[in-house]
Amino acid sequence: MSVIILCNCSFNVKYYDTEIPIIIKELGLVPIYMYDVDYANNAEIVLDSKPSAYNDIIIYSHNDKISTINILKTQNIVAIIPYTEDDVVDAEYFSDCIGTPSNPVETSICRRDKYDMQKQIQKYGLTSIHQKKCNQLIDIVEFISNNPNIKYVIKPVNGAASEDVYLCDTMDDLEDKFNKIVNKTNNCDLINTDCLVQEYIDGEDWIVNSVSRNGIHKIVNVMKSYKSFINDRHFMYIETRLIEPEDVPAELIVYAINVLGALEIKNGAGHAEIKMSSKGPCLIEIGARVGGGQYEKALSRCILNNYGQLRANIYSYCSAELFNKLPNSYSTVEKYRCVTINNLYDIFLWNDSYINFLVIQLSKIVYVHKFYCIYKNGDVVNKTQDLLSIIGRIYITSDSDEKLVEAVSMIKRWEQKLLQ
């Protein structure tokens, strides 16, 4: 019996994650890697470079899904699991065709399109964001005339990785950003025919990571993300922290579970970004997939019973017994940080020696699980503008918050002095 991981990452982020096939094999199942040859730069993938942990690879064409369905029906497939938000719609479509666990294809768009996502939760009476989909400037003028004297967020409708997400407070600024977004081919290889203009929601940024099976939801972990204004961009990630359950507002969990219900995330992972605003929790967006900023080996060290969302997600698709054994909510035994490494400089060539000394120094005070670097020696590093142009992420754990705070400060000092 096989489990397909459908992954259409056209960028380098976690491209061949070896943890997934290892967990699948632990369950006595066969991991298969699947991707769309027509998607972005996927045609350039050298098949011989597939990770040895995967037993096979399936290539499909977006323009000929029928042939792919016929191939899938000949195999004994337990589940088709989407890797990123780019993969959700196709994974749900193929799952529906061959009868494996997934979410209703009729509402797939609500789990991918940020505009329809907000409309859907509003139907269920949940707090949502005032917004307007815009394909011409007059649409923006109309929106701000009906929503004056506030700050606005403008972004692609089907974007990812914080690409082209801007905070604006004037029409001139919105017009400038509109012209940058609309008609651009984004990092999901989609043309931005529209953009989304929303009211800016105040408050702290929370992340609720869940897994579901047949409509039963379990909270795997809750995190807080910390962002800042970097390189003339708002909403740039600094770090993400695992929060102990007793410090999580009860209303946040109730709201997150209601969002899962409204968006019909009945099977698999949910990665909800929620603002705790002055009016209570409000969804920014959700992905029906495992959240970024998580490293399974580091998280499993911090969670009682040694699991993270990645493992729990595979359980939710592949094993009712193991899913049922997961607690409804997690318990922590250690503390966790995912720290984003941003490039504050103009273009330069990457060299691993830049990071080696920092990792050695960090290891003296915290456990450094992994430095995930997007670049290889000699690669051109551009100034960070979104999550696709960061240098990478460092995953650290400790039994001491104080040591983690010291470690994060050390990393941020290193960022400032990277090329000095």
Protein backbone atom coordinates (compact mmCIF):
# COMPACT_ATOMS: atom_id res chain seq x y z
CA MET A 1 0.00 0.00 0.00
CA SER A 2 1.33 3.41 -0.99
CA VAL A 3 1.17 6.99 0.26
CA ILE A 4 1.69 9.76 -2.28
CA ILE A 5 3.27 13.05 -1.27
CA LEU A 6 2.15 15.60 -3.84
CA CYS A 7 4.69 18.41 -3.89
CA ASN A 8 4.83 21.22 -6.41
CA CYS A 9 7.34 23.47 -4.70
CA SER A 10 9.05 25.33 -7.50
CA PHE A 11 11.39 26.88 -4.97
CA ASN A 12 14.04 25.32 -2.76
CA VAL A 13 12.22 25.44 0.56
CA LYS A 14 12.20 21.92 2.07
CA TYR A 15 12.10 20.54 -1.45
CA TYR A 16 12.94 16.92 -0.66
CA ASP A 17 12.12 16.55 3.00
CA THR A 18 13.40 13.12 4.07
CA GLU A 19 11.41 12.99 7.31
CA ILE A 20 8.11 12.33 5.51
CA PRO A 21 9.06 9.09 3.72
CA ILE A 22 10.80 7.81 6.85
CA ILE A 23 7.58 8.16 8.88
CA ILE A 24 5.54 6.57 6.08
CA LYS A 25 7.89 3.58 6.02
CA GLU A 26 7.59 3.22 9.80
CA LEU A 27 3.89 2.49 9.18
CA GLY A 28 4.75 -0.28 6.72
CA LEU A 29 3.65 1.82 3.75
CA VAL A 30 5.42 2.81 0.54
CA PRO A 31 6.21 6.53 0.00
CA ILE A 32 5.83 7.89 -3.54
CA TYR A 33 6.75 11.40 -4.66
CA MET A 34 4.42 13.11 -7.16
CA TYR A 35 4.65 16.42 -9.01
CA ASP A 36 3.22 18.32 -11.97
CA VAL A 37 5.76 18.52 -14.78
CA ASP A 38 4.01 21.64 -16.13
CA TYR A 39 4.24 23.54 -12.85
CA ALA A 40 6.79 26.36 -12.73
CA ASN A 41 10.33 24.96 -13.00
CA ASN A 42 9.41 21.36 -12.26
CA ALA A 43 10.30 20.25 -15.79
CA GLU A 44 13.91 20.91 -14.87
CA ILE A 45 13.91 18.35 -12.06
CA VAL A 46 16.40 15.58 -12.71
CA LEU A 47 14.61 12.37 -11.85
CA ASP A 48 17.80 10.65 -10.72
CA SER A 49 18.07 13.24 -7.95
CA LYS A 50 14.93 12.03 -6.19
CA PRO A 51 15.65 11.15 -2.57
CA SER A 52 16.47 7.54 -1.96
CA ALA A 53 13.90 7.52 0.87
CA TYR A 54 11.10 7.60 -1.73
CA ASN A 55 10.37 4.30 -3.45
CA ASP A 56 9.01 5.82 -6.63
CA ILE A 57 8.09 9.03 -8.37
CA ILE A 58 4.97 9.92 -10.38
CA ILE A 59 4.95 12.75 -12.88
CA TYR A 60 1.64 14.20 -13.99
CA SER A 61 0.55 17.00 -16.26
CA HIS A 62 -1.98 19.59 -15.20
CA ASN A 63 -3.27 19.46 -18.77
CA ASP A 64 -3.91 15.70 -18.71
CA LYS A 65 -5.25 14.68 -15.33
CA ILE A 66 -7.39 11.86 -16.73
CA SER A 67 -4.32 9.82 -17.65
CA THR A 68 -2.94 10.37 -14.16
CA ILE A 69 -6.19 9.22 -12.54
CA ASN A 70 -6.08 6.02 -14.60
CA ILE A 71 -2.54 5.37 -13.36
CA LEU A 72 -3.46 6.09 -9.74
CA LYS A 73 -6.45 3.73 -9.90
CA THR A 74 -4.14 0.84 -10.76
CA GLN A 75 -2.16 1.27 -7.54
CA ASN A 76 -3.13 0.48 -3.98
CA ILE A 77 -3.01 4.04 -2.59
CA VAL A 78 -3.88 4.81 1.01
CA ALA A 79 -3.61 8.60 0.82
CA ILE A 80 -2.51 11.55 -1.30
CA ILE A 81 -1.04 14.18 1.00
CA PRO A 82 -0.44 17.81 -0.12
CA TYR A 83 2.94 19.26 0.82
CA THR A 84 2.33 23.01 0.52
CA GLU A 85 -0.70 25.20 -0.18
CA ASP A 86 0.15 25.01 -3.90
CA ASP A 87 -0.62 21.30 -3.79
CA VAL A 88 -3.92 21.34 -1.89
CA VAL A 89 -6.36 21.66 -4.80
CA ASP A 90 -4.72 18.96 -6.94
CA ALA A 91 -4.30 16.58 -3.98
CA GLU A 92 -7.99 16.95 -3.08
CA TYR A 93 -9.04 16.45 -6.70
CA PHE A 94 -7.02 13.26 -7.15
CA SER A 95 -8.13 11.97 -3.73
CA ASP A 96 -11.77 12.50 -4.66
CA CYS A 97 -11.30 10.62 -7.93
CA ILE A 98 -9.72 7.53 -6.37
CA GLY A 99 -11.62 7.59 -3.06
CA THR A 100 -8.85 8.29 -0.54
CA PRO A 101 -9.35 10.53 2.56
CA SER A 102 -9.40 14.25 1.86
CA ASN A 103 -11.62 17.32 1.98
CA PRO A 104 -14.62 18.15 -0.26
CA VAL A 105 -13.54 19.28 -3.71
CA GLU A 106 -16.59 21.56 -3.88
CA THR A 107 -14.97 23.84 -1.30
CA SER A 108 -11.31 23.43 -2.32
CA ILE A 109 -11.20 27.03 -3.48
CA CYS A 110 -12.02 28.23 0.06
CA ARG A 111 -8.94 26.49 1.40
CA ARG A 112 -6.66 28.10 -1.17
CA ASP A 113 -8.09 31.44 -2.34
CA LYS A 114 -7.71 34.01 0.44
CA TYR A 115 -10.75 35.98 -0.73
CA ASP A 116 -13.11 32.99 -0.77
CA MET A 117 -11.62 31.84 2.53
CA GLN A 118 -12.80 34.99 4.30
CA LYS A 119 -16.20 34.87 2.58
CA GLN A 120 -16.70 31.28 3.73
CA ILE A 121 -15.96 31.89 7.42
CA GLN A 122 -18.16 34.98 7.31
CA LYS A 123 -21.06 32.75 6.19
CA TYR A 124 -20.62 30.81 9.42
CA GLY A 125 -20.76 33.94 11.54
CA LEU A 126 -17.04 33.91 12.40
CA THR A 127 -15.02 37.08 12.75
CA SER A 128 -13.53 37.90 9.35
CA ILE A 129 -11.65 40.67 7.59
CA HIS A 130 -13.33 43.44 5.60
CA GLN A 131 -11.93 43.00 2.10
CA LYS A 132 -12.35 43.51 -1.62
CA LYS A 133 -10.94 41.66 -4.60
CA CYS A 134 -9.59 44.25 -7.02
CA ASN A 135 -8.50 44.06 -10.66
CA GLN A 136 -8.62 47.79 -11.32
CA LEU A 137 -7.80 50.87 -9.29
CA ILE A 138 -11.41 52.01 -9.08
CA ASP A 139 -12.09 48.92 -6.96
CA ILE A 140 -9.53 50.10 -4.41
CA VAL A 141 -10.98 53.62 -4.41
CA GLU A 142 -14.40 52.17 -3.68
CA PHE A 143 -13.06 50.02 -0.85
CA ILE A 144 -11.21 52.77 0.98
CA SER A 145 -14.14 55.17 0.57
CA ASN A 146 -16.27 52.62 2.45
CA ASN A 147 -13.48 51.89 4.97
CA PRO A 148 -11.77 55.23 5.65
CA ASN A 149 -9.15 56.12 8.27
CA ILE A 150 -7.64 52.66 8.64
CA LYS A 151 -4.51 50.90 7.50
CA TYR A 152 -4.78 48.47 4.62
CA VAL A 153 -3.09 45.23 3.58
CA ILE A 154 -2.74 44.51 -0.11
CA LYS A 155 -1.56 41.13 -1.39
CA PRO A 156 -2.04 38.51 -4.13
CA VAL A 157 -5.17 36.38 -3.88
CA ASN A 158 -3.27 33.14 -4.45
CA GLY A 159 0.18 34.01 -3.17
CA ALA A 160 2.44 32.20 -0.76
CA ALA A 161 5.48 32.73 1.45
CA SER A 162 4.59 36.38 2.21
CA GLU A 163 5.36 37.43 -1.36
CA ASP A 164 4.13 40.95 -2.16
CA VAL A 165 2.23 41.48 1.08
CA TYR A 166 2.23 45.21 1.86
CA LEU A 167 0.90 47.49 4.57
CA CYS A 168 -0.44 50.80 3.21
CA ASP A 169 -2.21 53.84 4.59
CA THR A 170 -2.75 56.03 1.52
CA MET A 171 -4.30 55.65 -1.91
CA ASP A 172 -0.99 56.55 -3.56
CA ASP A 173 0.74 53.75 -1.70
CA LEU A 174 -2.04 51.28 -2.57
CA GLU A 175 -1.84 52.28 -6.24
CA ASP A 176 1.90 51.73 -6.27
CA LYS A 177 1.59 48.26 -4.72
CA PHE A 178 -1.39 47.38 -6.95
CA ASN A 179 0.78 48.03 -10.01
CA LYS A 180 3.51 45.79 -8.58
CA ILE A 181 1.15 42.90 -7.86
CA VAL A 182 -1.43 42.74 -10.66
CA ASN A 183 -0.31 40.94 -13.85
CA LYS A 184 2.83 39.68 -12.17
CA THR A 185 3.59 35.93 -12.25
CA ASN A 186 3.93 35.02 -8.58
CA ASN A 187 6.04 32.37 -6.90
CA CYS A 188 3.20 29.84 -7.34
CA ASP A 189 3.57 30.28 -11.13
CA LEU A 190 0.17 31.99 -11.26
CA ILE A 191 -0.56 35.34 -12.88
CA ASN A 192 -2.02 37.80 -10.36
CA THR A 193 -5.15 38.78 -12.27
CA ASP A 194 -6.49 40.33 -9.06
CA CYS A 195 -5.19 41.51 -5.76
CA LEU A 196 -6.81 41.51 -2.36
CA VAL A 197 -7.22 44.69 -0.31
CA GLN A 198 -8.11 44.18 3.34
CA GLU A 199 -8.37 46.17 6.51
CA TYR A 200 -5.30 45.76 8.68
CA ILE A 201 -6.04 43.77 11.83
CA ASP A 202 -4.18 44.76 14.98
CA GLY A 203 -2.95 42.40 17.68
CA GLU A 204 -0.56 39.52 18.26
CA ASP A 205 0.14 36.89 15.63
CA TRP A 206 -0.79 33.35 16.65
CA ILE A 207 -0.48 30.08 14.76
CA VAL A 208 -2.73 27.11 15.51
CA ASN A 209 -1.51 23.85 13.97
CA SER A 210 -4.01 21.02 13.89
CA VAL A 211 -4.70 17.61 12.36
CA SER A 212 -8.11 16.14 11.58
CA ARG A 213 -9.60 12.78 10.66
CA ASN A 214 -13.21 12.42 9.57
CA GLY A 215 -14.03 15.80 11.12
CA ILE A 216 -12.39 15.11 14.49
CA HIS A 217 -9.87 17.87 15.20
CA LYS A 218 -6.77 17.75 17.40
CA ILE A 219 -4.50 20.66 18.28
CA VAL A 220 -0.92 19.59 17.65
CA ASN A 221 0.79 22.81 18.73
CA VAL A 222 0.21 26.53 19.08
CA MET A 223 2.88 29.09 18.28
CA LYS A 224 3.34 32.83 18.24
CA SER A 225 5.13 34.47 15.35
CA TYR A 226 7.09 37.67 15.74
CA LYS A 227 7.45 39.96 12.74
CA SER A 228 9.07 43.29 12.04
CA PHE A 229 9.72 45.95 9.41
CA ILE A 230 12.82 44.82 7.50
CA ASN A 231 14.24 46.02 4.18
CA ASP A 232 11.26 48.33 3.67
CA ARG A 233 8.85 45.41 4.06
CA HIS A 234 6.30 44.84 6.78
CA PHE A 235 5.39 41.41 8.14
CA MET A 236 8.94 40.03 7.90
CA TYR A 237 9.47 37.01 10.16
CA ILE A 238 11.90 37.21 13.06
CA GLU A 239 11.09 34.06 15.00
CA THR A 240 8.34 31.60 15.85
CA ARG A 241 7.89 30.26 19.40
CA LEU A 242 6.13 27.17 20.68
CA ILE A 243 3.66 28.26 23.37
CA GLU A 244 2.85 26.17 26.41
CA PRO A 245 -0.82 25.09 26.40
CA GLU A 246 -1.68 26.88 29.64
CA ASP A 247 -0.64 30.18 28.02
CA VAL A 248 -2.93 29.77 25.01
CA PRO A 249 -6.21 31.76 25.16
CA ALA A 250 -9.18 29.37 25.24
CA GLU A 251 -11.12 31.55 22.80
CA LEU A 252 -8.31 31.15 20.26
CA ILE A 253 -8.72 27.36 20.20
CA VAL A 254 -12.52 27.53 20.00
CA TYR A 255 -12.25 29.97 17.09
CA ALA A 256 -9.62 27.88 15.27
CA ILE A 257 -11.73 24.73 15.50
CA ASN A 258 -14.76 26.66 14.20
CA VAL A 259 -12.64 27.83 11.25
CA LEU A 260 -11.73 24.21 10.46
CA GLY A 261 -15.42 23.37 10.41
CA ALA A 262 -16.40 26.35 8.28
CA LEU A 263 -13.71 25.61 5.68
CA GLU A 264 -14.47 21.87 5.75
CA ILE A 265 -10.96 20.81 6.71
CA LYS A 266 -12.09 17.35 7.73
CA ASN A 267 -8.91 15.40 7.04
CA GLY A 268 -5.25 16.27 7.31
CA ALA A 269 -3.39 19.28 8.60
CA GLY A 270 -4.53 22.82 9.27
CA HIS A 271 -2.11 25.74 9.63
CA ALA A 272 -4.13 28.74 10.82
CA GLU A 273 -2.64 32.21 11.15
CA ILE A 274 -4.87 34.14 13.53
CA LYS A 275 -4.67 37.63 15.00
CA MET A 276 -5.76 38.11 18.59
CA SER A 277 -7.20 41.55 17.97
CA SER A 278 -8.98 43.96 20.27
CA LYS A 279 -12.21 42.40 18.99
CA GLY A 280 -11.05 38.82 19.61
CA PRO A 281 -9.52 36.21 17.31
CA CYS A 282 -9.66 36.85 13.57
CA LEU A 283 -8.37 34.56 10.82
CA ILE A 284 -5.69 36.02 8.57
CA GLU A 285 -5.42 32.87 6.47
CA ILE A 286 -5.18 29.10 6.78
CA GLY A 287 -3.43 26.37 4.82
CA ALA A 288 -4.78 22.83 4.60
CA ARG A 289 -1.25 21.48 5.01
CA VAL A 290 1.55 21.24 7.54
CA GLY A 291 2.80 24.66 8.62
CA GLY A 292 6.19 26.09 7.83
CA GLY A 293 8.64 26.99 10.55
CA GLN A 294 8.39 23.51 12.03
CA TYR A 295 11.18 20.95 12.20
CA GLU A 296 9.87 17.57 13.23
CA LYS A 297 12.94 16.35 15.10
CA ALA A 298 13.13 19.55 17.14
CA LEU A 299 9.40 19.73 17.86
CA SER A 300 9.10 16.07 18.83
CA ARG A 301 11.77 16.71 21.45
CA CYS A 302 9.55 19.43 22.93
CA ILE A 303 6.16 17.68 22.82
CA LEU A 304 5.12 14.93 25.22
CA ASN A 305 4.94 11.59 23.36
CA ASN A 306 7.43 12.80 20.75
CA TYR A 307 5.38 14.01 17.80
CA GLY A 308 4.99 17.09 15.68
CA GLN A 309 2.44 18.16 13.09
CA LEU A 310 4.28 16.36 10.30
CA ARG A 311 4.00 12.95 11.98
CA ALA A 312 0.47 13.62 13.24
CA ASN A 313 -0.60 14.61 9.72
CA ILE A 314 0.57 11.29 8.29
CA TYR A 315 -1.25 9.48 11.11
CA SER A 316 -4.44 11.39 10.28
CA TYR A 317 -4.41 10.14 6.70
CA CYS A 318 -2.97 6.66 7.20
CA SER A 319 -3.78 5.23 10.64
CA ALA A 320 -7.01 5.60 12.60
CA GLU A 321 -5.39 3.78 15.52
CA LEU A 322 -2.39 6.12 15.78
CA PHE A 323 -4.53 9.21 15.19
CA ASN A 324 -6.90 8.20 17.98
CA LYS A 325 -3.97 7.81 20.36
CA LEU A 326 -2.97 11.45 19.85
CA PRO A 327 -4.22 13.70 22.66
CA ASN A 328 -6.80 16.34 21.80
CA SER A 329 -4.21 18.93 22.74
CA TYR A 330 -0.45 18.81 23.22
CA SER A 331 1.77 19.07 26.30
CA THR A 332 5.25 20.57 26.26
CA VAL A 333 8.39 19.19 27.86
CA GLU A 334 10.86 21.66 26.36
CA LYS A 335 10.92 25.03 24.62
CA TYR A 336 11.27 25.64 20.88
CA ARG A 337 12.20 28.46 18.53
CA CYS A 338 12.40 28.71 14.77
CA VAL A 339 14.52 31.76 13.96
CA THR A 340 14.46 33.26 10.47
CA ILE A 341 17.79 34.42 9.04
CA ASN A 342 17.21 37.50 6.90
CA ASN A 343 19.66 39.15 4.53
CA LEU A 344 19.86 42.86 5.33
CA TYR A 345 22.49 43.53 2.66
CA ASP A 346 22.57 43.99 -1.08
CA ILE A 347 23.51 41.10 -3.36
CA PHE A 348 26.45 38.92 -2.31
CA LEU A 349 27.71 35.36 -2.80
CA TRP A 350 26.91 32.83 -0.10
CA ASN A 351 29.59 30.89 1.74
CA ASP A 352 28.88 28.34 4.46
CA SER A 353 31.67 29.82 6.55
CA TYR A 354 29.36 32.76 7.28
CA ILE A 355 27.16 30.59 9.46
CA ASN A 356 29.58 28.01 10.88
CA PHE A 357 30.96 30.20 13.67
CA LEU A 358 27.46 31.30 14.71
CA VAL A 359 26.26 27.68 15.00
CA ILE A 360 29.27 26.80 17.15
CA GLN A 361 28.56 29.70 19.49
CA LEU A 362 24.83 28.93 19.67
CA SER A 363 25.57 25.30 20.53
CA LYS A 364 27.24 26.46 23.73
CA ILE A 365 23.94 27.72 25.15
CA VAL A 366 21.08 25.90 23.31
CA TYR A 367 20.52 22.74 21.29
CA VAL A 368 20.89 23.59 17.59
CA HIS A 369 18.91 20.99 15.67
CA LYS A 370 19.37 22.29 12.19
CA PHE A 371 20.35 25.29 10.14
CA TYR A 372 18.29 25.06 7.00
CA CYS A 373 19.98 27.24 4.39
CA ILE A 374 18.31 27.98 1.07
CA TYR A 375 21.66 28.70 -0.56
CA LYS A 376 24.74 26.68 -1.50
CA ASN A 377 28.31 27.96 -1.66
CA GLY A 378 28.61 30.44 -4.50
CA ASP A 379 24.88 31.17 -4.84
CA VAL A 380 23.78 34.78 -5.26
CA VAL A 381 21.96 36.01 -2.14
CA ASN A 382 19.46 38.81 -2.66
CA LYS A 383 18.15 41.15 0.00
CA THR A 384 15.31 39.45 1.89
CA GLN A 385 11.86 40.49 0.67
CA ASP A 386 9.76 37.47 1.66
CA LEU A 387 10.12 33.89 2.89
CA LEU A 388 11.61 32.79 -0.43
CA SER A 389 14.51 35.21 -0.15
CA ILE A 390 15.51 34.57 3.45
CA ILE A 391 18.93 33.03 4.01
CA GLY A 392 17.36 30.22 5.98
CA ARG A 393 16.06 29.12 9.36
CA ILE A 394 17.70 27.90 12.55
CA TYR A 395 15.77 25.50 14.80
CA ILE A 396 16.78 25.61 18.45
CA THR A 397 15.45 24.12 21.71
CA SER A 398 16.24 24.43 25.40
CA ASP A 399 14.72 23.89 28.82
CA SER A 400 15.33 27.58 29.49
CA ASP A 401 13.50 30.55 27.99
CA GLU A 402 16.36 32.80 29.08
CA LYS A 403 18.87 30.80 27.04
CA LEU A 404 16.63 30.89 23.99
CA VAL A 405 16.22 34.66 24.29
CA GLU A 406 20.00 34.98 24.49
CA ALA A 407 20.39 32.75 21.42
CA VAL A 408 17.88 34.75 19.36
CA SER A 409 19.68 37.99 20.30
CA MET A 410 22.96 36.43 19.17
CA ILE A 411 21.45 35.47 15.81
CA LYS A 412 20.04 38.95 15.23
CA ARG A 413 23.39 40.57 16.08
CA TRP A 414 25.00 38.20 13.56
CA GLU A 415 22.49 39.32 10.91
CA GLN A 416 23.53 42.94 11.42
CA LYS A 417 27.24 42.11 11.05
CA LEU A 418 27.04 39.36 8.43
CA LEU A 419 29.43 40.94 5.92
CA GLN A 420 31.54 42.94 8.35
